[in-house]
Structures are given as structure tokens and as C-alpha cells.
Amino acid sequence: MSGLTAAQRGFAVSRDPFPALVAGFGAGKTAAAIARAMALKAHFRQQNVGYYLPTYPLVKDIAFERFPELCERKGWAYKLNKGSAPSIAFPDAGKIIFRTMEHPERIVGYEVAHSILDELDTLTKVKAEAVWGKVIARNRQKMPGGFPNTIGVVTTPEGFKFVHDRWVKKKRPGDGYTLFKARTMDNIANLPDGYIDNLRNTYSAAQLQAYLDGEFVNLTSGSVYSDFNRILNFTNDKVRIDKKTGPDALHIGMDFNVTKMAAIVHVLRDGEPRAVAEFVDVFDTPAMIKKIKSRYEEDGHQIHIYPDASGDNRKTVNASTSDLGLLKQAGFKVHNNPANPAVKDRINSMQKMLRDRAYKVNPDTCPTYTDALEKQAYDKYGDPDKDGGFDHPVDAGGYFICYRWPIVKRVFSVEPLRM
């Protein structure tokens, strides 16, 4: 496998059940996928390999051209079937079966031990999930020596879709979902002159993060919280009771919305905020109070609330005269300005804390909040989108951050010039 980059080689030889190579344009994803297919055939001669592509024209390009060329260079005998069920068969050594992912319901009627899905994230998330389920069902040829059956994926990151969901969001230690990442620059030796410059002249900054650097970013429009990174802003911290200092004081940002109330629970570590729990889709303020008390009151946590100063409750009564009063009556310490900060100021406060990596989030205990920080985009009017369902948790977290760490505006005074 000489000539492959470290990421390509790592993917090609991985024995983990679910390796994925996420990479920019021209980073050699398909080369790595082909190398993996050939390596699997070399090591497990009797087992079949499934190779899946988005469309039939791509099957023709890969199955009818690149695989035969590679087989001939290696001196492997093969028989190419270009019929309705294309494949490459090897004498007494099984075959590589090619299928498209256009119609998941047609992934039936054969068995393989290993599969490779090329450009899976070009599909919608719903279709990718359907393909994944069908491919798993085909992956049932028994492997020798206790080796696992595998499904490998190579793809360009196309926003927060299926691959991000499985290999990042739902990733757990030891689950076999192994992620390799590669940049276009890593493969520059195999690219024509000017290729990278042409990409830079064509795509936006966010698109270049995906298409050059292989990063998962919001591609639908500008991301509101573009400085959030679930790795760099990660914490595994939780609410705790210290033997010396006692129960954590809890700092809870809260957003009022009928049936969609949200609250993000924070603790302070060395003076810096950590988001460690969430309450989402709560019906109303009394229900929120009940949930907070049920979870934290018995352990003696002091509770500070940083609420939406102008949200309406279910009776359409101003929060400053109703909902806030309920919070105070519950014994919570309520901190709020007379009016909410400007949306831009709240976002800028959040962005600075995220960019400085002072603000960290536990994605396991705050999954909805983490999703919202990654995915909330600006709408066509340049305002944070409220139709995607991501606004409530980020607004809640933002009220706390902006109250405690506001963007300080410079105040200038003008005096007459004295000569």
C-alpha cells in the first residue's frame, strides 16, 4: 500500500467493525476504499465484499475501470460481470459485488462478509439510515478465526448527517466506530497544480472546512455558534457533591416557551462555566420548577436561575411579573436584567467563551444542547433560525453566559480640543 497517506492506510487495513474515512475533496477517499476492498480479498479469499456507490454511473467508473486496472497491475486473475448485478469474481476466491444506494429496498438477495460504502453522506440522512440497515443485513457471511464482519465508509462530510450522527454524536468507547480524517492537502502529491487554489476560489469558508479539511460543519447557511467544537469544548464534568466544599452551586439558564421550555444547568470549575445537564421540552414554569427541585433539592444544591426576561408563559403574562415570580417563590435565586440583551450581544458573548475554550459542554448529559450549538443556522434574513427547533436550548444557555460574561462595550467620551 505504498503511496497511501497515513489516514488512507489506517482505514484500508483497519480490522475494527465500522471504520470511516471522512475527508475533503481530492483526499483519496475512493483510493482508500478500493485499497481496503483489495486488502480484504487478499486476507479473506473465500469471503465476498460488497462495494456500494450512490449511482450506477459511479459503479461503472469504479467497477468497470479502476478495479480491473488495479487487478491487472497486481497480476490477479479476475472475471468482470457488467450485467444487471455487476461484480468482479476471482478464481476460487469469492467476488466483489457492486450495488448502488439509490434504492435501499433493492439491497437484497446476496451475502457478503464485508462492505464498503462510498460517499454515504451524499444521501439524505433518512436514506442513509435505510441503506445502513440493509447493508448490515447482507453482511452475514461467517468469518474465519473470529475476525469481525466489517462495514467501512468513505465520504466527504456533508454537514451533520448520518456519518456525524454515528461516528461522532453517538460514538462510545469500544463500540467499533472508528473515525479517520484526512485533508485535501495530505494528498497534494497526487493532485494537479492549482487544484486546492481552485477550491478556495470556489467555496465559502464553512464549505472549505468540509471540502478541504474534512470537518463536519453546518453547510445549510452560516452557523450561529461557529466557534463551538464538540471536541475542543468537551467536558465530562457532572453535578457533584464535594466532600470538602459540599454540593455544587448550580447556575441554570432558562428560556420560557409553552411546552418547549428549556433550561441548561451549569457548574463553575476554576471560575469557568461547564454545561452539565439539560431540561428540554418542559411544559411550563411550574413543571420546570418541579423537575429541578426533584433532581437537585434533596442534595442541597444552591440554585441560581438566569432567565429569559421577556418570554411569555402559557397564559401570555409577561415573564417578569409571573414566571420570574414563580421561580422566586420556589426559593431559587433569580438573576436577570430588566430586559434581555440584544440577540447579537448574547451570541457574541457565547462565541467568545467558546472560542477561548473557557466554556465547555458535556455532550452525554447535554445532547440536545450540543446538537443545537452545532446546528443552529442563520435564516435568510440573517437572524438565528427558529424553525429548526434549536433555538430554545441555546437561548437558555446564552442567558446565563451573557449575564455572567457579557461583551463589554467601550464607552467613548468626546471633549473639545484645547489649543
Protein backbone atom coordinates (compact mmCIF):
# COMPACT_ATOMS: atom_id res chain seq x y z
CA MET A 1 0.00 0.00 0.00
CA SER A 2 2.83 2.35 -0.78
CA GLY A 3 1.69 5.80 -1.84
CA LEU A 4 -1.23 5.94 0.58
CA THR A 5 -1.39 8.62 3.22
CA ALA A 6 -1.46 7.64 6.90
CA ALA A 7 -5.23 8.12 7.09
CA GLN A 8 -5.85 6.15 3.88
CA ARG A 9 -3.65 3.30 5.08
CA GLY A 10 -5.23 3.29 8.53
CA PHE A 11 -8.68 2.95 7.01
CA ALA A 12 -7.61 0.34 4.45
CA VAL A 13 -6.15 -2.07 7.00
CA SER A 14 -8.45 -1.41 9.94
CA ARG A 15 -9.97 -4.54 11.50
CA ASP A 16 -12.50 -2.56 13.54
CA PRO A 17 -16.12 -3.39 12.71
CA PHE A 18 -17.05 0.10 11.46
CA PRO A 19 -14.14 2.23 10.20
CA ALA A 20 -14.92 5.51 8.44
CA LEU A 21 -12.65 7.82 6.47
CA VAL A 22 -14.02 11.36 6.35
CA ALA A 23 -12.02 13.61 4.07
CA GLY A 24 -12.03 16.60 1.79
CA PHE A 25 -12.27 16.64 -1.98
CA GLY A 26 -9.30 15.00 -3.66
CA ALA A 27 -8.06 13.49 -0.40
CA GLY A 28 -8.10 9.98 -1.86
CA LYS A 29 -11.26 8.53 -0.31
CA THR A 30 -12.09 6.20 -3.18
CA ALA A 31 -8.45 5.13 -3.50
CA ALA A 32 -8.56 4.15 0.18
CA ALA A 33 -11.88 2.34 -0.31
CA ILE A 34 -10.52 0.34 -3.25
CA ALA A 35 -7.35 -0.45 -1.30
CA ARG A 36 -9.47 -1.71 1.58
CA ALA A 37 -11.56 -3.91 -0.71
CA MET A 38 -8.45 -5.45 -2.25
CA ALA A 39 -6.81 -5.95 1.15
CA LEU A 40 -9.90 -7.75 2.43
CA LYS A 41 -9.90 -10.03 -0.61
CA ALA A 42 -6.20 -10.78 -0.15
CA HIS A 43 -6.61 -11.74 3.51
CA PHE A 44 -10.02 -13.45 3.36
CA ARG A 45 -10.10 -15.10 -0.03
CA GLN A 46 -13.35 -17.04 0.29
CA GLN A 47 -15.43 -14.17 1.62
CA ASN A 48 -17.29 -11.72 -0.58
CA VAL A 49 -17.01 -7.95 -0.35
CA GLY A 50 -19.87 -5.54 -1.11
CA TYR A 51 -18.99 -2.17 -2.61
CA TYR A 52 -21.75 0.47 -2.64
CA LEU A 53 -21.88 3.73 -4.58
CA PRO A 54 -24.55 6.46 -4.85
CA THR A 55 -25.40 5.94 -8.55
CA TYR A 56 -24.94 3.45 -11.39
CA PRO A 57 -22.63 5.73 -13.45
CA LEU A 58 -20.28 5.72 -10.48
CA VAL A 59 -20.47 1.92 -10.35
CA LYS A 60 -19.38 1.86 -13.99
CA ASP A 61 -16.43 4.18 -13.29
CA ILE A 62 -15.23 2.26 -10.24
CA ALA A 63 -16.18 -1.35 -11.02
CA PHE A 64 -15.51 -1.39 -14.74
CA GLU A 65 -12.36 0.75 -14.84
CA ARG A 66 -10.46 1.28 -11.58
CA PHE A 67 -10.80 -2.22 -10.13
CA PRO A 68 -9.79 -4.03 -13.36
CA GLU A 69 -6.79 -1.70 -13.76
CA LEU A 70 -5.66 -2.46 -10.24
CA CYS A 71 -6.19 -6.20 -10.66
CA GLU A 72 -4.06 -6.19 -13.80
CA ARG A 73 -1.28 -4.25 -12.09
CA LYS A 74 -1.29 -6.79 -9.27
CA GLY A 75 -1.45 -9.73 -11.69
CA TRP A 76 -4.73 -11.01 -10.21
CA ALA A 77 -6.91 -13.18 -12.44
CA TYR A 78 -10.50 -11.93 -12.48
CA LYS A 79 -13.77 -12.09 -14.37
CA LEU A 80 -15.75 -8.87 -14.74
CA ASN A 81 -19.54 -9.07 -14.89
CA LYS A 82 -21.07 -5.90 -16.37
CA GLY A 83 -24.65 -7.15 -16.23
CA SER A 84 -27.53 -6.04 -14.06
CA ALA A 85 -25.71 -7.35 -10.96
CA PRO A 86 -22.14 -6.15 -11.59
CA SER A 87 -19.28 -7.89 -9.83
CA ILE A 88 -15.67 -8.94 -10.12
CA ALA A 89 -15.12 -12.68 -9.47
CA PHE A 90 -11.75 -14.18 -8.59
CA PRO A 91 -10.99 -17.86 -9.33
CA ASP A 92 -11.73 -19.87 -6.19
CA ALA A 93 -11.67 -16.64 -4.15
CA GLY A 94 -15.16 -15.17 -4.00
CA LYS A 95 -16.08 -11.84 -5.52
CA ILE A 96 -16.58 -8.12 -5.04
CA ILE A 97 -20.24 -7.26 -5.56
CA PHE A 98 -21.19 -3.74 -6.66
CA ARG A 99 -24.51 -2.08 -5.86
CA THR A 100 -25.94 1.43 -5.84
CA MET A 101 -27.51 3.14 -2.85
CA GLU A 102 -30.24 4.84 -4.88
CA HIS A 103 -32.89 2.29 -3.93
CA PRO A 104 -32.24 0.75 -0.49
CA GLU A 105 -35.10 -1.71 -0.94
CA ARG A 106 -33.12 -3.38 -3.76
CA ILE A 107 -30.18 -4.28 -1.50
CA VAL A 108 -31.33 -7.89 -1.19
CA GLY A 109 -30.57 -11.43 -2.39
CA TYR A 110 -26.85 -11.95 -1.67
CA GLU A 111 -24.40 -12.32 1.20
CA VAL A 112 -21.04 -10.71 1.90
CA ALA A 113 -18.63 -10.67 4.83
CA HIS A 114 -17.51 -7.07 4.38
CA SER A 115 -18.98 -3.93 2.87
CA ILE A 116 -17.67 -0.54 1.81
CA LEU A 117 -19.96 2.45 1.30
CA ASP A 118 -18.51 5.19 -0.89
CA GLU A 119 -19.85 8.77 -0.36
CA LEU A 120 -22.60 7.71 2.03
CA ASP A 121 -23.28 11.25 3.22
CA THR A 122 -24.31 12.42 -0.24
CA LEU A 123 -27.60 10.68 0.61
CA THR A 124 -30.23 12.19 2.85
CA LYS A 125 -29.96 11.08 6.45
CA VAL A 126 -33.18 9.07 6.13
CA LYS A 127 -31.97 7.23 3.03
CA ALA A 128 -28.51 6.65 4.53
CA GLU A 129 -30.14 5.06 7.59
CA ALA A 130 -32.18 2.80 5.32
CA VAL A 131 -29.08 1.80 3.34
CA TRP A 132 -27.16 1.11 6.54
CA GLY A 133 -29.87 -1.22 7.80
CA LYS A 134 -29.99 -3.13 4.51
CA VAL A 135 -26.19 -3.43 4.30
CA ILE A 136 -25.96 -4.78 7.83
CA ALA A 137 -28.50 -7.45 6.87
CA ARG A 138 -26.33 -8.50 3.87
CA ASN A 139 -23.14 -8.60 5.99
CA ARG A 140 -23.61 -12.15 7.25
CA GLN A 141 -21.04 -14.45 5.68
CA LYS A 142 -19.20 -16.16 8.51
CA MET A 143 -15.62 -15.02 9.04
CA PRO A 144 -12.79 -17.40 9.94
CA GLY A 145 -10.74 -17.17 13.11
CA GLY A 146 -13.16 -14.95 14.99
CA PHE A 147 -12.50 -11.89 12.85
CA PRO A 148 -15.43 -9.47 12.75
CA ASN A 149 -17.55 -8.68 9.74
CA THR A 150 -16.93 -5.06 8.81
CA ILE A 151 -18.65 -2.13 7.14
CA GLY A 152 -16.33 0.67 6.06
CA VAL A 153 -17.43 4.13 4.95
CA VAL A 154 -15.61 6.80 2.98
CA THR A 155 -17.27 10.15 2.49
CA THR A 156 -16.93 13.88 2.21
CA PRO A 157 -18.56 15.49 5.27
CA GLU A 158 -21.83 16.97 4.07
CA GLY A 159 -22.95 18.69 7.25
CA PHE A 160 -24.39 16.94 10.27
CA LYS A 161 -25.83 13.89 8.60
CA PHE A 162 -25.67 10.12 9.08
CA VAL A 163 -21.89 9.74 9.46
CA HIS A 164 -21.64 12.53 12.03
CA ASP A 165 -24.56 11.01 13.92
CA ARG A 166 -23.00 7.52 14.13
CA TRP A 167 -19.26 8.25 14.33
CA VAL A 168 -19.30 11.44 16.40
CA LYS A 169 -22.57 12.13 18.18
CA LYS A 170 -23.36 8.55 19.22
CA LYS A 171 -19.75 7.37 19.48
CA ARG A 172 -18.98 5.35 22.62
CA PRO A 173 -15.69 3.78 23.75
CA GLY A 174 -15.20 0.30 22.34
CA ASP A 175 -18.22 0.36 20.04
CA GLY A 176 -16.14 -0.31 16.90
CA TYR A 177 -16.99 3.01 15.20
CA THR A 178 -13.50 4.26 14.31
CA LEU A 179 -13.05 7.60 12.57
CA PHE A 180 -10.15 8.50 10.28
CA LYS A 181 -9.94 12.06 8.95
CA ALA A 182 -7.91 13.43 6.06
CA ARG A 183 -7.34 16.81 4.47
CA THR A 184 -7.05 17.50 0.77
CA MET A 185 -3.56 18.85 1.43
CA ASP A 186 -2.46 15.42 2.68
CA ASN A 187 -2.87 14.08 -0.85
CA ILE A 188 -1.39 17.05 -2.71
CA ALA A 189 1.27 14.89 -4.38
CA ASN A 190 -1.48 13.18 -6.37
CA LEU A 191 -3.41 16.34 -7.31
CA PRO A 192 -2.97 18.64 -10.30
CA ASP A 193 -1.38 22.05 -9.87
CA GLY A 194 -3.87 24.68 -8.78
CA TYR A 195 -6.49 22.19 -7.52
CA ILE A 196 -6.56 23.49 -3.96
CA ASP A 197 -6.46 27.13 -5.06
CA ASN A 198 -9.44 26.48 -7.32
CA LEU A 199 -11.39 25.06 -4.36
CA ARG A 200 -10.51 28.10 -2.26
CA ASN A 201 -11.73 30.40 -5.01
CA THR A 202 -15.00 28.49 -5.34
CA TYR A 203 -16.31 27.69 -1.87
CA SER A 204 -17.21 29.63 1.26
CA ALA A 205 -15.14 29.45 4.44
CA ALA A 206 -17.56 26.96 6.01
CA GLN A 207 -17.59 24.80 2.87
CA LEU A 208 -13.79 24.81 2.78
CA GLN A 209 -13.72 23.43 6.31
CA ALA A 210 -15.65 20.45 4.97
CA TYR A 211 -14.27 20.13 1.45
CA LEU A 212 -10.60 20.88 2.21
CA ASP A 213 -10.16 19.91 5.85
CA GLY A 214 -12.71 17.11 6.17
CA GLU A 215 -14.50 18.77 9.10
CA PHE A 216 -18.17 18.43 9.98
CA VAL A 217 -19.71 21.91 9.72
CA ASN A 218 -23.12 23.43 9.12
CA LEU A 219 -23.41 23.76 5.33
CA THR A 220 -27.01 24.94 5.07
CA SER A 221 -26.04 28.52 5.95
CA GLY A 222 -23.77 30.31 8.35
CA SER A 223 -23.59 28.57 11.70
CA VAL A 224 -24.65 30.82 14.59
CA TYR A 225 -22.18 29.26 17.02
CA SER A 226 -19.38 28.64 14.55
CA ASP A 227 -16.76 28.64 17.32
CA PHE A 228 -18.29 25.62 19.04
CA ASN A 229 -16.40 22.36 18.60
CA ARG A 230 -17.65 19.33 20.49
CA ILE A 231 -14.08 18.07 20.87
CA LEU A 232 -12.32 21.31 21.84
CA ASN A 233 -15.25 22.44 24.00
CA PHE A 234 -15.69 19.00 25.58
CA THR A 235 -16.01 18.21 29.26
CA ASN A 236 -17.11 15.05 31.05
CA ASP A 237 -17.87 17.05 34.19
CA LYS A 238 -21.14 16.48 36.03
CA VAL A 239 -23.01 17.89 39.00
CA ARG A 240 -21.27 16.67 42.12
CA ILE A 241 -21.09 16.92 45.90
CA ASP A 242 -17.55 17.62 47.09
CA LYS A 243 -16.55 16.19 50.47
CA LYS A 244 -14.91 19.47 51.47
CA THR A 245 -16.95 22.19 49.77
CA GLY A 246 -20.32 20.43 49.66
CA PRO A 247 -22.86 20.37 46.81
CA ASP A 248 -22.15 22.32 43.63
CA ALA A 249 -23.94 25.63 43.24
CA LEU A 250 -26.00 25.30 40.07
CA HIS A 251 -26.30 28.11 37.53
CA ILE A 252 -29.27 27.47 35.26
CA GLY A 253 -30.01 29.44 32.12
CA MET A 254 -33.73 29.28 31.30
CA ASP A 255 -35.88 30.03 28.25
CA PHE A 256 -39.69 30.33 28.54
CA ASN A 257 -41.82 28.73 25.83
CA VAL A 258 -45.13 26.95 26.29
CA THR A 259 -44.48 23.16 26.01
CA LYS A 260 -40.92 23.95 24.86
CA MET A 261 -39.29 25.34 27.98
CA ALA A 262 -35.56 24.74 28.16
CA ALA A 263 -33.01 25.01 30.95
CA ILE A 264 -29.27 24.38 30.79
CA VAL A 265 -27.56 23.52 34.08
CA HIS A 266 -24.03 24.80 34.68
CA VAL A 267 -21.37 24.42 37.33
CA LEU A 268 -18.28 26.55 37.73
CA ARG A 269 -14.81 24.99 37.67
CA ASP A 270 -11.98 27.40 38.49
CA GLY A 271 -14.39 30.19 37.66
CA GLU A 272 -15.25 28.82 34.20
CA PRO A 273 -18.68 27.52 33.13
CA ARG A 274 -19.40 23.89 32.38
CA ALA A 275 -22.76 22.83 30.92
CA VAL A 276 -23.51 19.57 32.72
CA ALA A 277 -27.26 18.88 32.41
CA GLU A 278 -30.33 19.96 30.46
CA PHE A 279 -34.10 20.12 30.72
CA VAL A 280 -35.84 20.39 27.35
CA ASP A 281 -39.43 20.33 26.06
CA VAL A 282 -40.82 21.05 29.53
CA PHE A 283 -44.47 22.12 29.54
CA ASP A 284 -44.43 25.31 31.66
CA THR A 285 -42.73 27.08 34.55
CA PRO A 286 -44.40 25.09 37.37
CA ALA A 287 -43.40 21.86 35.61
CA MET A 288 -39.83 23.14 35.25
CA ILE A 289 -39.66 24.08 38.93
CA LYS A 290 -40.88 20.61 39.88
CA LYS A 291 -38.25 18.90 37.72
CA ILE A 292 -35.39 21.00 39.07
CA LYS A 293 -36.46 20.50 42.69
CA SER A 294 -36.96 16.77 42.17
CA ARG A 295 -33.48 16.32 40.79
CA TYR A 296 -31.43 18.69 42.95
CA GLU A 297 -33.24 19.96 46.06
CA GLU A 298 -32.70 16.92 48.28
CA ASP A 299 -28.91 17.09 47.84
CA GLY A 300 -28.79 20.71 48.99
CA HIS A 301 -27.61 22.39 45.79
CA GLN A 302 -27.97 26.16 45.79
CA ILE A 303 -29.86 27.03 42.63
CA HIS A 304 -29.34 30.23 40.65
CA ILE A 305 -31.62 30.95 37.69
CA TYR A 306 -30.66 33.22 34.77
CA PRO A 307 -33.95 33.53 32.90
CA ASP A 308 -35.43 34.94 29.75
CA ALA A 309 -36.55 38.39 30.93
CA SER A 310 -39.37 38.80 28.42
CA GLY A 311 -40.67 35.34 27.49
CA ASP A 312 -44.41 34.72 27.77
CA ASN A 313 -45.87 31.93 29.85
CA ARG A 314 -48.80 29.75 28.85
CA LYS A 315 -51.25 32.46 29.96
CA THR A 316 -49.42 35.08 27.88
CA VAL A 317 -48.44 37.00 31.02
CA ASN A 318 -45.10 38.80 30.93
CA ALA A 319 -42.38 36.62 32.45
CA SER A 320 -41.08 39.45 34.64
CA THR A 321 -44.36 39.57 36.58
CA SER A 322 -45.35 35.91 36.52
CA ASP A 323 -42.80 33.26 35.65
CA LEU A 324 -39.99 35.03 37.46
CA GLY A 325 -42.21 35.40 40.49
CA LEU A 326 -42.86 31.65 40.49
CA LEU A 327 -39.13 30.97 40.38
CA LYS A 328 -38.52 33.26 43.35
CA GLN A 329 -41.38 31.71 45.31
CA ALA A 330 -39.74 28.32 44.73
CA GLY A 331 -36.70 29.56 46.65
CA PHE A 332 -34.42 29.95 43.64
CA LYS A 333 -32.03 32.89 43.39
CA VAL A 334 -33.08 34.70 40.22
CA HIS A 335 -30.58 36.87 38.32
CA ASN A 336 -31.88 38.90 35.40
CA ASN A 337 -31.52 42.24 33.74
CA PRO A 338 -34.64 44.40 33.22
CA ALA A 339 -34.62 43.35 29.57
CA ASN A 340 -32.94 40.65 27.54
CA PRO A 341 -29.61 41.54 25.95
CA ALA A 342 -29.60 42.16 22.24
CA VAL A 343 -29.50 38.86 20.36
CA LYS A 344 -26.22 39.87 18.74
CA ASP A 345 -24.66 40.62 22.13
CA ARG A 346 -25.80 37.28 23.56
CA ILE A 347 -24.35 35.41 20.57
CA ASN A 348 -21.09 37.34 20.73
CA SER A 349 -20.74 36.52 24.43
CA MET A 350 -21.25 32.83 23.68
CA GLN A 351 -18.90 32.88 20.72
CA LYS A 352 -16.09 34.48 22.72
CA MET A 353 -16.40 31.97 25.56
CA LEU A 354 -16.50 29.09 23.07
CA ARG A 355 -13.61 30.46 21.02
CA ASP A 356 -11.47 30.91 24.14
CA ARG A 357 -12.40 27.31 25.15
CA ALA A 358 -13.46 28.73 28.53
CA TYR A 359 -16.98 27.38 28.03
CA LYS A 360 -17.27 23.60 27.82
CA VAL A 361 -20.20 21.24 27.36
CA ASN A 362 -20.80 17.62 28.33
CA PRO A 363 -22.35 16.08 25.18
CA ASP A 364 -23.52 12.98 27.05
CA THR A 365 -25.55 14.87 29.65
CA CYS A 366 -26.47 17.76 27.32
CA PRO A 367 -27.15 16.01 23.98
CA THR A 368 -29.88 18.40 22.77
CA TYR A 369 -27.85 21.45 23.72
CA THR A 370 -24.77 20.09 21.96
CA ASP A 371 -26.80 19.44 18.81
CA ALA A 372 -28.24 22.94 18.91
CA LEU A 373 -24.82 24.60 19.30
CA GLU A 374 -23.59 22.67 16.27
CA LYS A 375 -26.63 23.02 14.06
CA GLN A 376 -28.43 26.31 14.59
CA ALA A 377 -28.00 28.37 11.43
CA TYR A 378 -28.94 31.85 10.31
CA ASP A 379 -32.14 32.22 8.30
CA LYS A 380 -32.47 34.08 5.02
CA TYR A 381 -32.95 37.35 6.90
CA GLY A 382 -29.70 36.97 8.81
CA ASP A 383 -31.39 36.09 12.12
CA PRO A 384 -30.83 32.88 14.13
CA ASP A 385 -33.23 30.30 12.69
CA LYS A 386 -36.20 29.43 14.90
CA ASP A 387 -37.82 26.82 12.67
CA GLY A 388 -35.26 24.06 13.18
CA GLY A 389 -36.05 23.61 16.88
CA PHE A 390 -32.53 24.52 18.00
CA ASP A 391 -33.25 27.97 19.41
CA HIS A 392 -34.68 27.15 22.86
CA PRO A 393 -31.69 25.37 24.45
CA VAL A 394 -29.10 27.79 23.02
CA ASP A 395 -31.17 30.77 24.15
CA ALA A 396 -31.34 29.25 27.65
CA GLY A 397 -27.60 28.69 27.85
CA GLY A 398 -26.98 32.12 26.36
CA TYR A 399 -28.90 33.99 29.06
CA PHE A 400 -26.53 32.63 31.71
CA ILE A 401 -23.34 33.19 29.71
CA CYS A 402 -24.28 36.71 28.65
CA TYR A 403 -25.28 37.69 32.20
CA ARG A 404 -22.05 36.46 33.75
CA TRP A 405 -19.63 37.13 30.86
CA PRO A 406 -21.13 39.97 28.81
CA ILE A 407 -19.37 41.56 25.90
CA VAL A 408 -18.11 44.82 27.39
CA LYS A 409 -18.71 47.72 25.06
CA ARG A 410 -16.25 50.57 25.06
CA VAL A 411 -17.68 53.94 26.02
CA PHE A 412 -16.02 56.93 24.41
CA SER A 413 -16.26 60.50 25.62
CA VAL A 414 -15.63 63.45 23.35
CA GLU A 415 -14.10 66.63 24.75
CA PRO A 416 -13.35 69.85 22.89
CA LEU A 417 -9.79 70.15 21.69
CA ARG A 418 -7.93 72.80 23.64
CA MET A 419 -5.17 74.69 21.85
